[in-house]
Amino acid sequence: RAPKVASTEALVFSTTLKENQFAIPLMMSLCHLISKTDYLGLKDVIFLISEEDEYGIGAWLQSYHDIKTLPYISASPILTHSGAIQAALHLDMPVYTLID
């Protein structure tokens, strides 16, 4: 394995706003925990909250990699970039109602 260099790798945590009210507080807790520790070493951490599931994340990926693969999505360019995405974790925690 090659030695790690600062800002060359990224870890992505993503979630959506739609019917997912427990994932956003969990993501904010992860943000707080990561900012207080040096657990991830030299990786950049990206927190992505999109309005629509596939469309929002697809638009962000198109902008991040500067590609146009989905003709029905128009995304604005991203001004700053991190390194190569090494891993991504999508937090999907819908609200369940128990019915007796």
PDB file of N, CA and C in Angstrom:
ATOM      1  N   ARG A   1       0.831  -1.192   0.000  1.00  0.00           N
ATOM      2  CA  ARG A   1       0.000   0.000   0.000  1.00  0.00           C
ATOM      3  C   ARG A   1       0.863   1.237   0.000  1.00  0.00           C
ATOM      4  N   ALA A   2       0.412   2.216  -0.724  1.00  0.00           N
ATOM      5  CA  ALA A   2       1.137   3.482  -0.812  1.00  0.00           C
ATOM      6  C   ALA A   2       0.896   4.303   0.449  1.00  0.00           C
ATOM      7  N   PRO A   3       1.860   5.128   0.840  1.00  0.00           N
ATOM      8  CA  PRO A   3       1.633   5.990   2.009  1.00  0.00           C
ATOM      9  C   PRO A   3       0.537   7.013   1.728  1.00  0.00           C
ATOM     10  N   LYS A   4      -0.216   7.344   2.758  1.00  0.00           N
ATOM     11  CA  LYS A   4      -1.313   8.301   2.610  1.00  0.00           C
ATOM     12  C   LYS A   4      -0.783   9.726   2.682  1.00  0.00           C
ATOM     13  N   VAL A   5      -1.330  10.564   1.845  1.00  0.00           N
ATOM     14  CA  VAL A   5      -0.962  11.972   1.801  1.00  0.00           C
ATOM     15  C   VAL A   5      -2.202  12.784   2.151  1.00  0.00           C
ATOM     16  N   ALA A   6      -2.024  13.911   2.826  1.00  0.00           N
ATOM     17  CA  ALA A   6      -3.155  14.736   3.253  1.00  0.00           C
ATOM     18  C   ALA A   6      -4.027  15.151   2.067  1.00  0.00           C
ATOM     19  N   SER A   7      -5.330  15.099   2.269  1.00  0.00           N
ATOM     20  CA  SER A   7      -6.340  15.553   1.304  1.00  0.00           C
ATOM     21  C   SER A   7      -6.313  14.794  -0.017  1.00  0.00           C
ATOM     22  N   THR A   8      -5.957  13.525   0.008  1.00  0.00           N
ATOM     23  CA  THR A   8      -5.994  12.753  -1.227  1.00  0.00           C
ATOM     24  C   THR A   8      -7.069  11.674  -1.200  1.00  0.00           C
ATOM     25  N   GLU A   9      -7.689  11.438  -0.071  1.00  0.00           N
ATOM     26  CA  GLU A   9      -8.748  10.448   0.034  1.00  0.00           C
ATOM     27  C   GLU A   9      -9.941  11.068   0.731  1.00  0.00           C
ATOM     28  N   ALA A  10     -11.123  10.606   0.361  1.00  0.00           N
ATOM     29  CA  ALA A  10     -12.330  11.160   0.972  1.00  0.00           C
ATOM     30  C   ALA A  10     -13.268  10.032   1.387  1.00  0.00           C
ATOM     31  N   LEU A  11     -14.013  10.290   2.435  1.00  0.00           N
ATOM     32  CA  LEU A  11     -15.051   9.414   2.938  1.00  0.00           C
ATOM     33  C   LEU A  11     -16.352  10.208   2.887  1.00  0.00           C
ATOM     34  N   VAL A  12     -17.416   9.625   2.304  1.00  0.00           N
ATOM     35  CA  VAL A  12     -18.677  10.338   2.118  1.00  0.00           C
ATOM     36  C   VAL A  12     -19.763   9.709   2.983  1.00  0.00           C
ATOM     37  N   PHE A  13     -20.452  10.540   3.752  1.00  0.00           N
ATOM     38  CA  PHE A  13     -21.667  10.152   4.460  1.00  0.00           C
ATOM     39  C   PHE A  13     -22.812  10.903   3.783  1.00  0.00           C
ATOM     40  N   SER A  14     -23.848  10.184   3.361  1.00  0.00           N
ATOM     41  CA  SER A  14     -24.957  10.850   2.684  1.00  0.00           C
ATOM     42  C   SER A  14     -26.289  10.425   3.282  1.00  0.00           C
ATOM     43  N   THR A  15     -27.278  11.295   3.120  1.00  0.00           N
ATOM     44  CA  THR A  15     -28.653  10.998   3.499  1.00  0.00           C
ATOM     45  C   THR A  15     -29.569  11.921   2.712  1.00  0.00           C
ATOM     46  N   THR A  16     -30.862  11.677   2.824  1.00  0.00           N
ATOM     47  CA  THR A  16     -31.836  12.532   2.151  1.00  0.00           C
ATOM     48  C   THR A  16     -32.749  13.180   3.181  1.00  0.00           C
ATOM     49  N   LEU A  17     -33.417  14.233   2.761  1.00  0.00           N
ATOM     50  CA  LEU A  17     -34.340  14.931   3.659  1.00  0.00           C
ATOM     51  C   LEU A  17     -35.691  14.236   3.750  1.00  0.00           C
ATOM     52  N   LYS A  18     -36.047  13.494   2.728  1.00  0.00           N
ATOM     53  CA  LYS A  18     -37.382  12.921   2.634  1.00  0.00           C
ATOM     54  C   LYS A  18     -37.555  11.722   3.573  1.00  0.00           C
ATOM     55  N   GLU A  19     -38.503  11.809   4.525  1.00  0.00           N
ATOM     56  CA  GLU A  19     -38.863  10.721   5.437  1.00  0.00           C
ATOM     57  C   GLU A  19     -37.645  10.070   6.081  1.00  0.00           C
ATOM     58  N   ASN A  20     -36.754  10.874   6.604  1.00  0.00           N
ATOM     59  CA  ASN A  20     -35.496  10.366   7.116  1.00  0.00           C
ATOM     60  C   ASN A  20     -35.033  11.181   8.315  1.00  0.00           C
ATOM     61  N   GLN A  21     -35.930  11.420   9.254  1.00  0.00           N
ATOM     62  CA  GLN A  21     -35.641  12.388  10.300  1.00  0.00           C
ATOM     63  C   GLN A  21     -34.619  11.918  11.333  1.00  0.00           C
ATOM     64  N   PHE A  22     -34.296  10.636  11.412  1.00  0.00           N
ATOM     65  CA  PHE A  22     -33.298  10.171  12.374  1.00  0.00           C
ATOM     66  C   PHE A  22     -31.882  10.169  11.807  1.00  0.00           C
ATOM     67  N   ALA A  23     -31.740  10.139  10.497  1.00  0.00           N
ATOM     68  CA  ALA A  23     -30.415  10.072   9.884  1.00  0.00           C
ATOM     69  C   ALA A  23     -29.664  11.395   9.976  1.00  0.00           C
ATOM     70  N   ILE A  24     -30.361  12.505   9.879  1.00  0.00           N
ATOM     71  CA  ILE A  24     -29.689  13.807   9.910  1.00  0.00           C
ATOM     72  C   ILE A  24     -29.083  14.090  11.288  1.00  0.00           C
ATOM     73  N   PRO A  25     -29.802  13.861  12.409  1.00  0.00           N
ATOM     74  CA  PRO A  25     -29.139  14.025  13.714  1.00  0.00           C
ATOM     75  C   PRO A  25     -27.963  13.064  13.906  1.00  0.00           C
ATOM     76  N   LEU A  26     -28.071  11.841  13.380  1.00  0.00           N
ATOM     77  CA  LEU A  26     -26.953  10.903  13.452  1.00  0.00           C
ATOM     78  C   LEU A  26     -25.761  11.433  12.668  1.00  0.00           C
ATOM     79  N   MET A  27     -26.018  12.007  11.494  1.00  0.00           N
ATOM     80  CA  MET A  27     -24.946  12.570  10.693  1.00  0.00           C
ATOM     81  C   MET A  27     -24.285  13.759  11.401  1.00  0.00           C
ATOM     82  N   MET A  28     -25.079  14.591  12.044  1.00  0.00           N
ATOM     83  CA  MET A  28     -24.517  15.722  12.782  1.00  0.00           C
ATOM     84  C   MET A  28     -23.694  15.241  13.982  1.00  0.00           C
ATOM     85  N   SER A  29     -24.123  14.168  14.628  1.00  0.00           N
ATOM     86  CA  SER A  29     -23.350  13.586  15.726  1.00  0.00           C
ATOM     87  C   SER A  29     -22.024  13.028  15.222  1.00  0.00           C
ATOM     88  N   LEU A  30     -22.055  12.367  14.058  1.00  0.00           N
ATOM     89  CA  LEU A  30     -20.813  11.882  13.456  1.00  0.00           C
ATOM     90  C   LEU A  30     -19.871  13.033  13.128  1.00  0.00           C
ATOM     91  N   CYS A  31     -20.425  14.108  12.620  1.00  0.00           N
ATOM     92  CA  CYS A  31     -19.627  15.297  12.307  1.00  0.00           C
ATOM     93  C   CYS A  31     -18.945  15.833  13.560  1.00  0.00           C
ATOM     94  N   HIS A  32     -19.703  15.919  14.641  1.00  0.00           N
ATOM     95  CA  HIS A  32     -19.145  16.405  15.902  1.00  0.00           C
ATOM     96  C   HIS A  32     -18.054  15.455  16.408  1.00  0.00           C
ATOM     97  N   LEU A  33     -18.308  14.158  16.360  1.00  0.00           N
ATOM     98  CA  LEU A  33     -17.340  13.169  16.829  1.00  0.00           C
ATOM     99  C   LEU A  33     -16.064  13.209  15.998  1.00  0.00           C
ATOM    100  N   ILE A  34     -16.198  13.277  14.690  1.00  0.00           N
ATOM    101  CA  ILE A  34     -15.024  13.296  13.817  1.00  0.00           C
ATOM    102  C   ILE A  34     -14.221  14.575  13.992  1.00  0.00           C
ATOM    103  N   SER A  35     -14.902  15.696  14.235  1.00  0.00           N
ATOM    104  CA  SER A  35     -14.179  16.955  14.409  1.00  0.00           C
ATOM    105  C   SER A  35     -13.399  16.997  15.719  1.00  0.00           C
ATOM    106  N   LYS A  36     -13.804  16.196  16.701  1.00  0.00           N
ATOM    107  CA  LYS A  36     -13.130  16.189  18.004  1.00  0.00           C
ATOM    108  C   LYS A  36     -12.006  15.159  18.099  1.00  0.00           C
ATOM    109  N   THR A  37     -11.952  14.210  17.175  1.00  0.00           N
ATOM    110  CA  THR A  37     -10.941  13.153  17.240  1.00  0.00           C
ATOM    111  C   THR A  37     -10.127  13.138  15.954  1.00  0.00           C
ATOM    112  N   ASP A  38      -9.045  12.402  15.987  1.00  0.00           N
ATOM    113  CA  ASP A  38      -8.219  12.218  14.800  1.00  0.00           C
ATOM    114  C   ASP A  38      -8.316  10.762  14.357  1.00  0.00           C
ATOM    115  N   TYR A  39      -9.497  10.192  14.508  1.00  0.00           N
ATOM    116  CA  TYR A  39      -9.697   8.769  14.246  1.00  0.00           C
ATOM    117  C   TYR A  39      -9.510   8.412  12.772  1.00  0.00           C
ATOM    118  N   LEU A  40      -9.942   9.250  11.874  1.00  0.00           N
ATOM    119  CA  LEU A  40      -9.870   8.931  10.455  1.00  0.00           C
ATOM    120  C   LEU A  40      -8.533   9.286   9.821  1.00  0.00           C
ATOM    121  N   GLY A  41      -7.618   9.776  10.594  1.00  0.00           N
ATOM    122  CA  GLY A  41      -6.298  10.072  10.058  1.00  0.00           C
ATOM    123  C   GLY A  41      -6.319  11.209   9.064  1.00  0.00           C
ATOM    124  N   LEU A  42      -5.874  10.942   7.872  1.00  0.00           N
ATOM    125  CA  LEU A  42      -5.706  11.996   6.881  1.00  0.00           C
ATOM    126  C   LEU A  42      -6.822  12.047   5.847  1.00  0.00           C
ATOM    127  N   LYS A  43      -7.912  11.334   6.051  1.00  0.00           N
ATOM    128  CA  LYS A  43      -9.020  11.346   5.096  1.00  0.00           C
ATOM    129  C   LYS A  43      -9.864  12.605   5.257  1.00  0.00           C
ATOM    130  N   ASP A  44     -10.364  13.122   4.143  1.00  0.00           N
ATOM    131  CA  ASP A  44     -11.360  14.189   4.174  1.00  0.00           C
ATOM    132  C   ASP A  44     -12.728  13.539   4.325  1.00  0.00           C
ATOM    133  N   VAL A  45     -13.598  14.165   5.073  1.00  0.00           N
ATOM    134  CA  VAL A  45     -14.939  13.630   5.288  1.00  0.00           C
ATOM    135  C   VAL A  45     -15.942  14.587   4.659  1.00  0.00           C
ATOM    136  N   ILE A  46     -16.828  14.046   3.819  1.00  0.00           N
ATOM    137  CA  ILE A  46     -17.849  14.833   3.138  1.00  0.00           C
ATOM    138  C   ILE A  46     -19.205  14.402   3.670  1.00  0.00           C
ATOM    139  N   PHE A  47     -19.999  15.359   4.131  1.00  0.00           N
ATOM    140  CA  PHE A  47     -21.359  15.105   4.587  1.00  0.00           C
ATOM    141  C   PHE A  47     -22.305  15.663   3.527  1.00  0.00           C
ATOM    142  N   LEU A  48     -23.110  14.782   2.932  1.00  0.00           N
ATOM    143  CA  LEU A  48     -23.979  15.156   1.826  1.00  0.00           C
ATOM    144  C   LEU A  48     -25.430  14.903   2.216  1.00  0.00           C
ATOM    145  N   ILE A  49     -26.229  15.973   2.245  1.00  0.00           N
ATOM    146  CA  ILE A  49     -27.669  15.869   2.508  1.00  0.00           C
ATOM    147  C   ILE A  49     -28.375  16.384   1.266  1.00  0.00           C
ATOM    148  N   SER A  50     -29.105  15.496   0.602  1.00  0.00           N
ATOM    149  CA  SER A  50     -29.792  15.884  -0.631  1.00  0.00           C
ATOM    150  C   SER A  50     -31.295  15.825  -0.433  1.00  0.00           C
ATOM    151  N   GLU A  51     -31.997  16.549  -1.285  1.00  0.00           N
ATOM    152  CA  GLU A  51     -33.457  16.609  -1.176  1.00  0.00           C
ATOM    153  C   GLU A  51     -34.116  15.366  -1.772  1.00  0.00           C
ATOM    154  N   GLU A  52     -33.617  14.924  -2.885  1.00  0.00           N
ATOM    155  CA  GLU A  52     -34.137  13.724  -3.539  1.00  0.00           C
ATOM    156  C   GLU A  52     -33.069  12.643  -3.500  1.00  0.00           C
ATOM    157  N   ASP A  53     -33.489  11.405  -3.374  1.00  0.00           N
ATOM    158  CA  ASP A  53     -32.550  10.308  -3.170  1.00  0.00           C
ATOM    159  C   ASP A  53     -31.596  10.122  -4.351  1.00  0.00           C
ATOM    160  N   GLU A  54     -32.055   9.517  -5.425  1.00  0.00           N
ATOM    161  CA  GLU A  54     -31.163   9.229  -6.545  1.00  0.00           C
ATOM    162  C   GLU A  54     -30.762  10.485  -7.312  1.00  0.00           C
ATOM    163  N   TYR A  55     -31.690  11.418  -7.470  1.00  0.00           N
ATOM    164  CA  TYR A  55     -31.408  12.602  -8.283  1.00  0.00           C
ATOM    165  C   TYR A  55     -30.410  13.540  -7.608  1.00  0.00           C
ATOM    166  N   GLY A  56     -30.566  13.751  -6.311  1.00  0.00           N
ATOM    167  CA  GLY A  56     -29.660  14.651  -5.599  1.00  0.00           C
ATOM    168  C   GLY A  56     -28.249  14.118  -5.520  1.00  0.00           C
ATOM    169  N   ILE A  57     -28.125  12.847  -5.196  1.00  0.00           N
ATOM    170  CA  ILE A  57     -26.795  12.243  -5.110  1.00  0.00           C
ATOM    171  C   ILE A  57     -26.179  12.124  -6.500  1.00  0.00           C
ATOM    172  N   GLY A  58     -26.996  11.794  -7.503  1.00  0.00           N
ATOM    173  CA  GLY A  58     -26.496  11.724  -8.879  1.00  0.00           C
ATOM    174  C   GLY A  58     -25.998  13.062  -9.379  1.00  0.00           C
ATOM    175  N   ALA A  59     -26.730  14.126  -9.054  1.00  0.00           N
ATOM    176  CA  ALA A  59     -26.303  15.467  -9.454  1.00  0.00           C
ATOM    177  C   ALA A  59     -24.992  15.849  -8.769  1.00  0.00           C
ATOM    178  N   TRP A  60     -24.859  15.512  -7.493  1.00  0.00           N
ATOM    179  CA  TRP A  60     -23.622  15.828  -6.779  1.00  0.00           C
ATOM    180  C   TRP A  60     -22.448  15.051  -7.361  1.00  0.00           C
ATOM    181  N   LEU A  61     -22.656  13.764  -7.655  1.00  0.00           N
ATOM    182  CA  LEU A  61     -21.573  12.962  -8.239  1.00  0.00           C
ATOM    183  C   LEU A  61     -21.161  13.489  -9.610  1.00  0.00           C
ATOM    184  N   GLN A  62     -22.131  13.911 -10.423  1.00  0.00           N
ATOM    185  CA  GLN A  62     -21.805  14.500 -11.726  1.00  0.00           C
ATOM    186  C   GLN A  62     -20.951  15.747 -11.549  1.00  0.00           C
ATOM    187  N   SER A  63     -21.310  16.603 -10.605  1.00  0.00           N
ATOM    188  CA  SER A  63     -20.539  17.824 -10.376  1.00  0.00           C
ATOM    189  C   SER A  63     -19.175  17.521  -9.783  1.00  0.00           C
ATOM    190  N   TYR A  64     -19.118  16.583  -8.854  1.00  0.00           N
ATOM    191  CA  TYR A  64     -17.857  16.258  -8.176  1.00  0.00           C
ATOM    192  C   TYR A  64     -16.830  15.708  -9.159  1.00  0.00           C
ATOM    193  N   HIS A  65     -17.277  14.829 -10.060  1.00  0.00           N
ATOM    194  CA  HIS A  65     -16.360  14.215 -11.021  1.00  0.00           C
ATOM    195  C   HIS A  65     -16.326  14.948 -12.360  1.00  0.00           C
ATOM    196  N   ASP A  66     -17.101  16.027 -12.484  1.00  0.00           N
ATOM    197  CA  ASP A  66     -17.156  16.848 -13.696  1.00  0.00           C
ATOM    198  C   ASP A  66     -17.473  16.001 -14.932  1.00  0.00           C
ATOM    199  N   ILE A  67     -18.550  15.222 -14.821  1.00  0.00           N
ATOM    200  CA  ILE A  67     -19.017  14.399 -15.928  1.00  0.00           C
ATOM    201  C   ILE A  67     -20.500  14.662 -16.148  1.00  0.00           C
ATOM    202  N   LYS A  68     -20.988  14.337 -17.316  1.00  0.00           N
ATOM    203  CA  LYS A  68     -22.407  14.510 -17.647  1.00  0.00           C
ATOM    204  C   LYS A  68     -22.944  13.180 -18.164  1.00  0.00           C
ATOM    205  N   THR A  69     -23.331  12.287 -17.257  1.00  0.00           N
ATOM    206  CA  THR A  69     -23.832  10.980 -17.670  1.00  0.00           C
ATOM    207  C   THR A  69     -25.356  10.904 -17.659  1.00  0.00           C
ATOM    208  N   LEU A  70     -26.005  11.741 -16.855  1.00  0.00           N
ATOM    209  CA  LEU A  70     -27.461  11.735 -16.771  1.00  0.00           C
ATOM    210  C   LEU A  70     -27.996  12.975 -17.473  1.00  0.00           C
ATOM    211  N   PRO A  71     -28.597  12.823 -18.658  1.00  0.00           N
ATOM    212  CA  PRO A  71     -29.012  13.995 -19.434  1.00  0.00           C
ATOM    213  C   PRO A  71     -30.155  14.781 -18.803  1.00  0.00           C
ATOM    214  N   TYR A  72     -30.914  14.170 -17.917  1.00  0.00           N
ATOM    215  CA  TYR A  72     -32.055  14.841 -17.307  1.00  0.00           C
ATOM    216  C   TYR A  72     -31.696  15.565 -16.011  1.00  0.00           C
ATOM    217  N   ILE A  73     -30.419  15.571 -15.634  1.00  0.00           N
ATOM    218  CA  ILE A  73     -29.969  16.275 -14.432  1.00  0.00           C
ATOM    219  C   ILE A  73     -29.011  17.373 -14.836  1.00  0.00           C
ATOM    220  N   SER A  74     -29.279  18.582 -14.351  1.00  0.00           N
ATOM    221  CA  SER A  74     -28.400  19.712 -14.570  1.00  0.00           C
ATOM    222  C   SER A  74     -27.847  20.144 -13.218  1.00  0.00           C
ATOM    223  N   ALA A  75     -26.541  20.074 -13.043  1.00  0.00           N
ATOM    224  CA  ALA A  75     -25.915  20.380 -11.758  1.00  0.00           C
ATOM    225  C   ALA A  75     -24.920  21.521 -11.913  1.00  0.00           C
ATOM    226  N   SER A  76     -24.841  22.357 -10.892  1.00  0.00           N
ATOM    227  CA  SER A  76     -23.870  23.446 -10.874  1.00  0.00           C
ATOM    228  C   SER A  76     -22.487  22.892 -10.556  1.00  0.00           C
ATOM    229  N   PRO A  77     -21.438  23.533 -11.043  1.00  0.00           N
ATOM    230  CA  PRO A  77     -20.092  23.038 -10.753  1.00  0.00           C
ATOM    231  C   PRO A  77     -19.729  23.229  -9.273  1.00  0.00           C
ATOM    232  N   ILE A  78     -18.943  22.319  -8.766  1.00  0.00           N
ATOM    233  CA  ILE A  78     -18.440  22.405  -7.390  1.00  0.00           C
ATOM    234  C   ILE A  78     -17.114  23.154  -7.434  1.00  0.00           C
ATOM    235  N   LEU A  79     -16.959  24.146  -6.566  1.00  0.00           N
ATOM    236  CA  LEU A  79     -15.761  24.983  -6.603  1.00  0.00           C
ATOM    237  C   LEU A  79     -14.561  24.338  -5.925  1.00  0.00           C
ATOM    238  N   THR A  80     -14.777  23.535  -4.892  1.00  0.00           N
ATOM    239  CA  THR A  80     -13.666  22.865  -4.208  1.00  0.00           C
ATOM    240  C   THR A  80     -13.893  21.360  -4.252  1.00  0.00           C
ATOM    241  N   HIS A  81     -12.809  20.641  -4.334  1.00  0.00           N
ATOM    242  CA  HIS A  81     -12.866  19.184  -4.387  1.00  0.00           C
ATOM    243  C   HIS A  81     -11.966  18.602  -3.313  1.00  0.00           C
ATOM    244  N   SER A  82     -12.316  17.421  -2.881  1.00  0.00           N
ATOM    245  CA  SER A  82     -11.467  16.649  -1.994  1.00  0.00           C
ATOM    246  C   SER A  82     -10.709  15.654  -2.861  1.00  0.00           C
ATOM    247  N   GLY A  83     -10.177  14.636  -2.249  1.00  0.00           N
ATOM    248  CA  GLY A  83      -9.470  13.614  -3.010  1.00  0.00           C
ATOM    249  C   GLY A  83     -10.420  12.578  -3.573  1.00  0.00           C
ATOM    250  N   ALA A  84      -9.850  11.460  -3.988  1.00  0.00           N
ATOM    251  CA  ALA A  84     -10.645  10.361  -4.529  1.00  0.00           C
ATOM    252  C   ALA A  84     -11.532   9.781  -3.429  1.00  0.00           C
ATOM    253  N   ILE A  85     -12.762   9.465  -3.781  1.00  0.00           N
ATOM    254  CA  ILE A  85     -13.694   8.894  -2.807  1.00  0.00           C
ATOM    255  C   ILE A  85     -13.313   7.436  -2.575  1.00  0.00           C
ATOM    256  N   GLN A  86     -12.917   7.112  -1.362  1.00  0.00           N
ATOM    257  CA  GLN A  86     -12.516   5.758  -1.010  1.00  0.00           C
ATOM    258  C   GLN A  86     -13.683   4.921  -0.515  1.00  0.00           C
ATOM    259  N   ALA A  87     -14.647   5.559   0.151  1.00  0.00           N
ATOM    260  CA  ALA A  87     -15.811   4.840   0.675  1.00  0.00           C
ATOM    261  C   ALA A  87     -16.965   5.819   0.820  1.00  0.00           C
ATOM    262  N   ALA A  88     -18.175   5.279   0.723  1.00  0.00           N
ATOM    263  CA  ALA A  88     -19.375   6.087   0.919  1.00  0.00           C
ATOM    264  C   ALA A  88     -20.375   5.274   1.730  1.00  0.00           C
ATOM    265  N   LEU A  89     -21.063   5.960   2.627  1.00  0.00           N
ATOM    266  CA  LEU A  89     -22.066   5.319   3.469  1.00  0.00           C
ATOM    267  C   LEU A  89     -23.334   6.153   3.403  1.00  0.00           C
ATOM    268  N   HIS A  90     -24.423   5.534   2.941  1.00  0.00           N
ATOM    269  CA  HIS A  90     -25.704   6.231   2.870  1.00  0.00           C
ATOM    270  C   HIS A  90     -26.527   5.868   4.097  1.00  0.00           C
ATOM    271  N   LEU A  91     -26.909   6.864   4.879  1.00  0.00           N
ATOM    272  CA  LEU A  91     -27.695   6.659   6.090  1.00  0.00           C
ATOM    273  C   LEU A  91     -29.167   6.780   5.746  1.00  0.00           C
ATOM    274  N   ASP A  92     -29.882   5.690   5.850  1.00  0.00           N
ATOM    275  CA  ASP A  92     -31.319   5.671   5.535  1.00  0.00           C
ATOM    276  C   ASP A  92     -32.045   5.120   6.764  1.00  0.00           C
ATOM    277  N   MET A  93     -32.678   6.001   7.513  1.00  0.00           N
ATOM    278  CA  MET A  93     -33.341   5.624   8.751  1.00  0.00           C
ATOM    279  C   MET A  93     -34.766   6.167   8.745  1.00  0.00           C
ATOM    280  N   PRO A  94     -35.675   5.516   8.027  1.00  0.00           N
ATOM    281  CA  PRO A  94     -37.046   6.023   7.960  1.00  0.00           C
ATOM    282  C   PRO A  94     -37.761   5.888   9.286  1.00  0.00           C
ATOM    283  N   VAL A  95     -38.820   6.652   9.424  1.00  0.00           N
ATOM    284  CA  VAL A  95     -39.639   6.631  10.638  1.00  0.00           C
ATOM    285  C   VAL A  95     -40.664   5.508  10.516  1.00  0.00           C
ATOM    286  N   TYR A  96     -40.702   4.650  11.518  1.00  0.00           N
ATOM    287  CA  TYR A  96     -41.673   3.570  11.539  1.00  0.00           C
ATOM    288  C   TYR A  96     -42.698   3.844  12.621  1.00  0.00           C
ATOM    289  N   THR A  97     -43.946   3.583  12.327  1.00  0.00           N
ATOM    290  CA  THR A  97     -45.018   3.741  13.299  1.00  0.00           C
ATOM    291  C   THR A  97     -45.540   2.362  13.673  1.00  0.00           C
ATOM    292  N   LEU A  98     -45.566   2.091  14.949  1.00  0.00           N
ATOM    293  CA  LEU A  98     -46.087   0.805  15.415  1.00  0.00           C
ATOM    294  C   LEU A  98     -47.601   0.870  15.519  1.00  0.00           C
ATOM    295  N   ILE A  99     -48.262  -0.101  14.930  1.00  0.00           N
ATOM    296  CA  ILE A  99     -49.721  -0.163  14.954  1.00  0.00           C
ATOM    297  C   ILE A  99     -50.116  -1.366  15.789  1.00  0.00           C
ATOM    298  N   ASP A 100     -50.927  -1.120  16.793  1.00  0.00           N
ATOM    299  CA  ASP A 100     -51.381  -2.241  17.646  1.00  0.00           C
ATOM    300  C   ASP A 100     -52.512  -2.985  17.010  1.00  0.00           C
TER     301      ASP A 100
END
